[in-house]
Amino acid sequence: MSHNSDVKKQAKDILEETLDREAVIVLARISEEMQLLFQAHPEPDRSDVERIVTGFFLEKGKSEEFIEDWIMTSLEYGRTRGLSGSDLPRAMLSDLGVFRFMSFLKDKGLTDEQITIVLTGAIQQAASGFSGPESGNGTR
């Protein structure tokens, strides 16, 4: 358990050192948007996810080729994790959330190693029942 605490502390330190308040708010917004997507689509099928992913990336100015590659990579990654059936579309939505977090952190200048620590810490926080980066203000 102490390793988990160390990673969570490292993640918190990285975020505090590298991100301003506005960036933390953006991360919280990404988290909320992804939660809303999962609530709106608790049992998405592949076409739902492809529509969501395509819409997101088109809004970001990504090419059709990029979108097709992203979808295929996400599918392949899910399959390598042993997922199939209804688990695969949910995993793809989850991949979109991770992609959004990673891209934002990369844009803010974090290194790949820092991003890995932050994402690992976030996963551990989520597993322990924590609801978001805004916990200090009394909301959960």
N, C-alpha and C. Protein backbone atom coordinates (compact mmCIF):
# COMPACT_ATOMS: atom_id res chain seq x y z
N MET A 1 0.82 -1.20 0.00
CA MET A 1 0.00 0.00 0.00
C MET A 1 0.86 1.26 0.00
N SER A 2 2.07 1.19 0.62
CA SER A 2 2.90 2.38 0.67
C SER A 2 3.36 2.79 -0.73
N HIS A 3 3.53 1.81 -1.64
CA HIS A 3 3.89 2.15 -3.02
C HIS A 3 2.78 2.97 -3.66
N ASN A 4 1.53 2.56 -3.44
CA ASN A 4 0.39 3.30 -3.98
C ASN A 4 0.39 4.73 -3.44
N SER A 5 0.64 4.89 -2.15
CA SER A 5 0.67 6.22 -1.55
C SER A 5 1.80 7.06 -2.16
N ASP A 6 2.96 6.41 -2.41
CA ASP A 6 4.08 7.12 -3.00
C ASP A 6 3.74 7.63 -4.39
N VAL A 7 3.10 6.78 -5.20
CA VAL A 7 2.73 7.18 -6.56
C VAL A 7 1.71 8.31 -6.52
N LYS A 8 0.71 8.19 -5.64
CA LYS A 8 -0.30 9.24 -5.54
C LYS A 8 0.34 10.56 -5.09
N LYS A 9 1.29 10.49 -4.16
CA LYS A 9 1.97 11.70 -3.70
C LYS A 9 2.81 12.29 -4.83
N GLN A 10 3.53 11.43 -5.56
CA GLN A 10 4.33 11.91 -6.70
C GLN A 10 3.42 12.59 -7.72
N ALA A 11 2.29 11.96 -8.01
CA ALA A 11 1.35 12.52 -8.99
C ALA A 11 0.87 13.89 -8.52
N LYS A 12 0.49 13.97 -7.25
CA LYS A 12 0.01 15.25 -6.69
C LYS A 12 1.11 16.31 -6.78
N ASP A 13 2.34 15.94 -6.43
CA ASP A 13 3.46 16.88 -6.49
C ASP A 13 3.69 17.37 -7.91
N ILE A 14 3.65 16.46 -8.87
CA ILE A 14 3.85 16.85 -10.28
C ILE A 14 2.79 17.85 -10.71
N LEU A 15 1.53 17.53 -10.39
CA LEU A 15 0.44 18.43 -10.79
C LEU A 15 0.57 19.79 -10.13
N GLU A 16 0.90 19.81 -8.85
CA GLU A 16 1.03 21.08 -8.13
C GLU A 16 2.19 21.91 -8.66
N GLU A 17 3.26 21.24 -9.07
CA GLU A 17 4.44 21.94 -9.57
C GLU A 17 4.29 22.43 -11.00
N THR A 18 3.49 21.75 -11.80
CA THR A 18 3.47 22.05 -13.23
C THR A 18 2.18 22.69 -13.73
N LEU A 19 1.09 22.57 -12.99
CA LEU A 19 -0.19 23.08 -13.50
C LEU A 19 -0.70 24.22 -12.64
N ASP A 20 -1.27 25.21 -13.33
CA ASP A 20 -1.92 26.30 -12.60
C ASP A 20 -3.38 25.93 -12.34
N ARG A 21 -4.07 26.80 -11.64
CA ARG A 21 -5.45 26.54 -11.26
C ARG A 21 -6.34 26.30 -12.47
N GLU A 22 -6.12 27.08 -13.52
CA GLU A 22 -6.92 26.93 -14.74
C GLU A 22 -6.75 25.53 -15.34
N ALA A 23 -5.53 25.03 -15.34
CA ALA A 23 -5.28 23.70 -15.88
C ALA A 23 -5.95 22.62 -15.05
N VAL A 24 -5.95 22.78 -13.74
CA VAL A 24 -6.62 21.82 -12.87
C VAL A 24 -8.13 21.83 -13.15
N ILE A 25 -8.67 23.00 -13.40
CA ILE A 25 -10.10 23.11 -13.74
C ILE A 25 -10.38 22.40 -15.05
N VAL A 26 -9.49 22.54 -16.03
CA VAL A 26 -9.67 21.85 -17.31
C VAL A 26 -9.64 20.33 -17.12
N LEU A 27 -8.70 19.83 -16.30
CA LEU A 27 -8.65 18.40 -16.02
C LEU A 27 -9.94 17.92 -15.36
N ALA A 28 -10.45 18.71 -14.43
CA ALA A 28 -11.72 18.35 -13.77
C ALA A 28 -12.85 18.33 -14.78
N ARG A 29 -12.85 19.28 -15.72
CA ARG A 29 -13.89 19.32 -16.75
C ARG A 29 -13.82 18.10 -17.66
N ILE A 30 -12.60 17.70 -18.03
CA ILE A 30 -12.45 16.49 -18.85
C ILE A 30 -13.03 15.30 -18.10
N SER A 31 -12.71 15.20 -16.83
CA SER A 31 -13.23 14.10 -16.01
C SER A 31 -14.75 14.12 -15.96
N GLU A 32 -15.32 15.28 -15.74
CA GLU A 32 -16.79 15.40 -15.68
C GLU A 32 -17.43 15.05 -17.02
N GLU A 33 -16.83 15.51 -18.12
CA GLU A 33 -17.37 15.21 -19.45
C GLU A 33 -17.34 13.71 -19.72
N MET A 34 -16.25 13.06 -19.30
CA MET A 34 -16.17 11.62 -19.51
C MET A 34 -17.18 10.89 -18.63
N GLN A 35 -17.39 11.34 -17.41
CA GLN A 35 -18.40 10.73 -16.54
C GLN A 35 -19.79 10.87 -17.17
N LEU A 36 -20.07 12.04 -17.74
CA LEU A 36 -21.36 12.25 -18.39
C LEU A 36 -21.53 11.33 -19.61
N LEU A 37 -20.44 11.14 -20.36
CA LEU A 37 -20.50 10.23 -21.50
C LEU A 37 -20.84 8.82 -21.05
N PHE A 38 -20.20 8.37 -19.98
CA PHE A 38 -20.47 7.03 -19.47
C PHE A 38 -21.89 6.93 -18.91
N GLN A 39 -22.39 7.99 -18.29
CA GLN A 39 -23.76 7.97 -17.79
C GLN A 39 -24.77 7.95 -18.93
N ALA A 40 -24.48 8.71 -19.98
CA ALA A 40 -25.39 8.77 -21.13
C ALA A 40 -25.34 7.49 -21.96
N HIS A 41 -24.23 6.78 -21.88
CA HIS A 41 -24.03 5.55 -22.66
C HIS A 41 -23.48 4.45 -21.76
N PRO A 42 -24.28 3.97 -20.81
CA PRO A 42 -23.77 2.96 -19.87
C PRO A 42 -23.43 1.63 -20.54
N GLU A 43 -24.08 1.32 -21.63
CA GLU A 43 -23.83 0.08 -22.38
C GLU A 43 -23.66 0.43 -23.86
N PRO A 44 -22.61 1.20 -24.20
CA PRO A 44 -22.47 1.64 -25.59
C PRO A 44 -22.13 0.47 -26.50
N ASP A 45 -22.60 0.58 -27.74
CA ASP A 45 -22.14 -0.39 -28.72
C ASP A 45 -21.03 0.27 -29.54
N ARG A 46 -20.43 -0.49 -30.40
CA ARG A 46 -19.29 0.02 -31.15
C ARG A 46 -19.66 1.24 -32.00
N SER A 47 -20.85 1.24 -32.59
CA SER A 47 -21.24 2.38 -33.42
C SER A 47 -21.41 3.65 -32.58
N ASP A 48 -21.94 3.51 -31.34
CA ASP A 48 -22.04 4.67 -30.44
C ASP A 48 -20.66 5.26 -30.19
N VAL A 49 -19.72 4.38 -29.86
CA VAL A 49 -18.38 4.85 -29.51
C VAL A 49 -17.69 5.45 -30.72
N GLU A 50 -17.84 4.82 -31.87
CA GLU A 50 -17.22 5.38 -33.07
C GLU A 50 -17.79 6.76 -33.40
N ARG A 51 -19.09 6.93 -33.20
CA ARG A 51 -19.71 8.25 -33.42
C ARG A 51 -19.17 9.28 -32.43
N ILE A 52 -19.06 8.91 -31.16
CA ILE A 52 -18.56 9.81 -30.12
C ILE A 52 -17.10 10.19 -30.40
N VAL A 53 -16.29 9.18 -30.67
CA VAL A 53 -14.87 9.41 -30.93
C VAL A 53 -14.69 10.26 -32.18
N THR A 54 -15.41 9.92 -33.24
CA THR A 54 -15.30 10.69 -34.48
C THR A 54 -15.70 12.14 -34.26
N GLY A 55 -16.81 12.37 -33.59
CA GLY A 55 -17.25 13.73 -33.30
C GLY A 55 -16.22 14.50 -32.49
N PHE A 56 -15.67 13.87 -31.47
CA PHE A 56 -14.66 14.54 -30.64
C PHE A 56 -13.46 14.95 -31.49
N PHE A 57 -12.91 14.01 -32.25
CA PHE A 57 -11.71 14.31 -33.00
C PHE A 57 -11.96 15.26 -34.16
N LEU A 58 -13.13 15.19 -34.79
CA LEU A 58 -13.44 16.15 -35.85
C LEU A 58 -13.49 17.57 -35.29
N GLU A 59 -14.07 17.71 -34.08
CA GLU A 59 -14.11 19.03 -33.43
C GLU A 59 -12.71 19.55 -33.14
N LYS A 60 -11.76 18.63 -32.94
CA LYS A 60 -10.36 19.00 -32.65
C LYS A 60 -9.54 19.17 -33.93
N GLY A 61 -10.20 19.00 -35.09
CA GLY A 61 -9.52 19.21 -36.36
C GLY A 61 -8.69 18.04 -36.84
N LYS A 62 -8.93 16.86 -36.29
CA LYS A 62 -8.16 15.69 -36.70
C LYS A 62 -8.71 15.13 -38.01
N SER A 63 -7.82 14.49 -38.77
CA SER A 63 -8.19 13.95 -40.08
C SER A 63 -8.97 12.65 -39.92
N GLU A 64 -9.69 12.30 -40.97
CA GLU A 64 -10.41 11.02 -41.00
C GLU A 64 -9.43 9.85 -40.81
N GLU A 65 -8.26 9.97 -41.42
CA GLU A 65 -7.26 8.91 -41.29
C GLU A 65 -6.82 8.76 -39.82
N PHE A 66 -6.57 9.89 -39.16
CA PHE A 66 -6.19 9.84 -37.74
C PHE A 66 -7.29 9.15 -36.94
N ILE A 67 -8.53 9.52 -37.19
CA ILE A 67 -9.66 8.96 -36.44
C ILE A 67 -9.77 7.46 -36.66
N GLU A 68 -9.68 7.03 -37.91
CA GLU A 68 -9.75 5.59 -38.22
C GLU A 68 -8.62 4.84 -37.53
N ASP A 69 -7.41 5.41 -37.58
CA ASP A 69 -6.26 4.77 -36.93
C ASP A 69 -6.47 4.70 -35.42
N TRP A 70 -7.00 5.77 -34.82
CA TRP A 70 -7.22 5.80 -33.37
C TRP A 70 -8.22 4.72 -32.98
N ILE A 71 -9.31 4.63 -33.73
CA ILE A 71 -10.34 3.63 -33.42
C ILE A 71 -9.77 2.22 -33.54
N MET A 72 -9.04 1.95 -34.62
CA MET A 72 -8.46 0.61 -34.81
C MET A 72 -7.43 0.29 -33.72
N THR A 73 -6.62 1.28 -33.35
CA THR A 73 -5.63 1.07 -32.29
C THR A 73 -6.32 0.78 -30.96
N SER A 74 -7.37 1.51 -30.67
CA SER A 74 -8.11 1.29 -29.43
C SER A 74 -8.74 -0.10 -29.41
N LEU A 75 -9.32 -0.50 -30.54
CA LEU A 75 -9.90 -1.85 -30.63
C LEU A 75 -8.83 -2.92 -30.43
N GLU A 76 -7.71 -2.77 -31.10
CA GLU A 76 -6.63 -3.75 -30.98
C GLU A 76 -6.11 -3.80 -29.56
N TYR A 77 -5.94 -2.65 -28.93
CA TYR A 77 -5.45 -2.60 -27.56
C TYR A 77 -6.43 -3.30 -26.62
N GLY A 78 -7.71 -3.05 -26.82
CA GLY A 78 -8.73 -3.72 -26.00
C GLY A 78 -8.67 -5.22 -26.16
N ARG A 79 -8.50 -5.67 -27.37
CA ARG A 79 -8.42 -7.11 -27.62
C ARG A 79 -7.18 -7.73 -26.97
N THR A 80 -6.06 -6.97 -26.99
CA THR A 80 -4.85 -7.51 -26.35
C THR A 80 -5.02 -7.60 -24.84
N ARG A 81 -5.96 -6.84 -24.29
CA ARG A 81 -6.27 -6.92 -22.86
C ARG A 81 -7.31 -8.01 -22.59
N GLY A 82 -7.68 -8.75 -23.63
CA GLY A 82 -8.63 -9.85 -23.46
C GLY A 82 -10.08 -9.42 -23.45
N LEU A 83 -10.37 -8.22 -23.93
CA LEU A 83 -11.73 -7.72 -23.92
C LEU A 83 -12.46 -8.10 -25.21
N SER A 84 -13.76 -8.28 -25.09
CA SER A 84 -14.59 -8.54 -26.26
C SER A 84 -16.02 -8.15 -25.92
N GLY A 85 -16.89 -8.30 -26.89
CA GLY A 85 -18.31 -8.01 -26.67
C GLY A 85 -18.55 -6.60 -26.16
N SER A 86 -19.42 -6.47 -25.18
CA SER A 86 -19.81 -5.15 -24.69
C SER A 86 -18.70 -4.46 -23.89
N ASP A 87 -17.68 -5.22 -23.46
CA ASP A 87 -16.58 -4.60 -22.73
C ASP A 87 -15.70 -3.75 -23.64
N LEU A 88 -15.61 -4.13 -24.90
CA LEU A 88 -14.74 -3.43 -25.83
C LEU A 88 -15.17 -1.97 -26.06
N PRO A 89 -16.45 -1.69 -26.35
CA PRO A 89 -16.84 -0.29 -26.54
C PRO A 89 -16.62 0.56 -25.28
N ARG A 90 -16.89 0.00 -24.10
CA ARG A 90 -16.65 0.76 -22.86
C ARG A 90 -15.16 1.05 -22.70
N ALA A 91 -14.33 0.09 -23.04
CA ALA A 91 -12.88 0.30 -22.96
C ALA A 91 -12.44 1.38 -23.93
N MET A 92 -13.07 1.43 -25.10
CA MET A 92 -12.73 2.47 -26.08
C MET A 92 -13.09 3.85 -25.55
N LEU A 93 -14.23 3.96 -24.87
CA LEU A 93 -14.59 5.24 -24.26
C LEU A 93 -13.58 5.62 -23.19
N SER A 94 -13.18 4.64 -22.41
CA SER A 94 -12.17 4.87 -21.39
C SER A 94 -10.86 5.33 -22.03
N ASP A 95 -10.48 4.69 -23.14
CA ASP A 95 -9.27 5.08 -23.86
C ASP A 95 -9.36 6.54 -24.32
N LEU A 96 -10.55 6.96 -24.73
CA LEU A 96 -10.72 8.35 -25.14
C LEU A 96 -10.44 9.29 -23.97
N GLY A 97 -10.93 8.94 -22.79
CA GLY A 97 -10.67 9.76 -21.61
C GLY A 97 -9.18 9.83 -21.29
N VAL A 98 -8.52 8.69 -21.33
CA VAL A 98 -7.08 8.66 -21.07
C VAL A 98 -6.34 9.48 -22.11
N PHE A 99 -6.74 9.34 -23.37
CA PHE A 99 -6.12 10.10 -24.45
C PHE A 99 -6.27 11.61 -24.19
N ARG A 100 -7.47 12.02 -23.78
CA ARG A 100 -7.71 13.44 -23.52
C ARG A 100 -6.83 13.95 -22.39
N PHE A 101 -6.73 13.18 -21.30
CA PHE A 101 -5.88 13.58 -20.19
C PHE A 101 -4.42 13.66 -20.63
N MET A 102 -3.96 12.62 -21.32
CA MET A 102 -2.55 12.58 -21.74
C MET A 102 -2.22 13.73 -22.69
N SER A 103 -3.10 13.99 -23.64
CA SER A 103 -2.85 15.07 -24.59
C SER A 103 -2.79 16.42 -23.89
N PHE A 104 -3.69 16.63 -22.95
CA PHE A 104 -3.71 17.90 -22.21
C PHE A 104 -2.42 18.05 -21.41
N LEU A 105 -2.03 17.02 -20.69
CA LEU A 105 -0.81 17.09 -19.88
C LEU A 105 0.42 17.28 -20.76
N LYS A 106 0.45 16.62 -21.92
CA LYS A 106 1.56 16.79 -22.86
C LYS A 106 1.61 18.24 -23.36
N ASP A 107 0.44 18.80 -23.68
CA ASP A 107 0.38 20.20 -24.12
C ASP A 107 0.87 21.16 -23.04
N LYS A 108 0.72 20.76 -21.77
CA LYS A 108 1.17 21.59 -20.64
C LYS A 108 2.64 21.40 -20.34
N GLY A 109 3.32 20.54 -21.12
CA GLY A 109 4.76 20.40 -21.00
C GLY A 109 5.25 19.27 -20.10
N LEU A 110 4.36 18.41 -19.65
CA LEU A 110 4.79 17.29 -18.83
C LEU A 110 5.52 16.26 -19.69
N THR A 111 6.49 15.61 -19.10
CA THR A 111 7.22 14.56 -19.81
C THR A 111 6.38 13.29 -19.82
N ASP A 112 6.78 12.34 -20.65
CA ASP A 112 6.07 11.05 -20.69
C ASP A 112 6.12 10.38 -19.32
N GLU A 113 7.27 10.45 -18.65
CA GLU A 113 7.40 9.84 -17.32
C GLU A 113 6.45 10.51 -16.32
N GLN A 114 6.38 11.84 -16.34
CA GLN A 114 5.47 12.55 -15.44
C GLN A 114 4.01 12.18 -15.73
N ILE A 115 3.67 12.08 -17.01
CA ILE A 115 2.30 11.72 -17.40
C ILE A 115 1.96 10.32 -16.89
N THR A 116 2.90 9.40 -17.03
CA THR A 116 2.67 8.03 -16.55
C THR A 116 2.42 8.03 -15.04
N ILE A 117 3.21 8.78 -14.30
CA ILE A 117 3.02 8.85 -12.85
C ILE A 117 1.67 9.46 -12.51
N VAL A 118 1.31 10.54 -13.19
CA VAL A 118 0.02 11.20 -12.93
C VAL A 118 -1.14 10.26 -13.23
N LEU A 119 -1.10 9.59 -14.38
CA LEU A 119 -2.19 8.67 -14.73
C LEU A 119 -2.26 7.48 -13.78
N THR A 120 -1.11 6.96 -13.37
CA THR A 120 -1.10 5.86 -12.40
C THR A 120 -1.69 6.32 -11.08
N GLY A 121 -1.32 7.52 -10.65
CA GLY A 121 -1.88 8.08 -9.42
C GLY A 121 -3.38 8.30 -9.53
N ALA A 122 -3.83 8.76 -10.69
CA ALA A 122 -5.27 8.99 -10.88
C ALA A 122 -6.04 7.68 -10.84
N ILE A 123 -5.47 6.64 -11.44
CA ILE A 123 -6.13 5.33 -11.42
C ILE A 123 -6.22 4.82 -9.99
N GLN A 124 -5.15 4.98 -9.23
CA GLN A 124 -5.15 4.54 -7.84
C GLN A 124 -6.15 5.34 -7.01
N GLN A 125 -6.24 6.65 -7.27
CA GLN A 125 -7.23 7.47 -6.57
C GLN A 125 -8.64 7.01 -6.89
N ALA A 126 -8.90 6.76 -8.17
CA ALA A 126 -10.23 6.31 -8.59
C ALA A 126 -10.57 4.98 -7.93
N ALA A 127 -9.59 4.10 -7.86
CA ALA A 127 -9.83 2.79 -7.25
C ALA A 127 -10.11 2.90 -5.76
N SER A 128 -9.62 3.97 -5.14
CA SER A 128 -9.84 4.14 -3.71
C SER A 128 -11.09 4.97 -3.40
N GLY A 129 -11.84 5.35 -4.45
CA GLY A 129 -13.12 6.03 -4.25
C GLY A 129 -13.07 7.53 -4.30
N PHE A 130 -11.96 8.11 -4.71
CA PHE A 130 -11.81 9.55 -4.83
C PHE A 130 -12.53 10.02 -6.07
N SER A 131 -13.20 11.19 -6.01
CA SER A 131 -14.03 11.58 -7.15
C SER A 131 -13.43 12.62 -8.08
N GLY A 132 -12.35 13.28 -7.73
CA GLY A 132 -11.80 14.23 -8.67
C GLY A 132 -10.78 15.14 -8.06
N PRO A 133 -10.08 15.96 -8.89
CA PRO A 133 -9.00 16.81 -8.41
C PRO A 133 -9.49 17.97 -7.55
N GLU A 134 -10.79 18.18 -7.49
CA GLU A 134 -11.31 19.32 -6.75
C GLU A 134 -11.66 18.97 -5.31
N SER A 135 -11.15 17.87 -4.79
CA SER A 135 -11.55 17.39 -3.47
C SER A 135 -11.30 18.40 -2.37
N GLY A 136 -10.38 19.31 -2.55
CA GLY A 136 -10.07 20.28 -1.53
C GLY A 136 -11.15 21.29 -1.29
N ASN A 137 -12.13 21.43 -2.18
CA ASN A 137 -13.15 22.44 -2.00
C ASN A 137 -14.46 21.88 -1.47
N GLY A 138 -14.42 20.64 -1.01
CA GLY A 138 -15.61 20.07 -0.37
C GLY A 138 -16.58 19.39 -1.31
N THR A 139 -16.31 19.38 -2.62
CA THR A 139 -17.21 18.69 -3.54
C THR A 139 -16.65 17.33 -3.84
N ARG A 140 -17.52 16.39 -4.07
CA ARG A 140 -17.10 15.04 -4.45
C ARG A 140 -18.03 14.50 -5.47
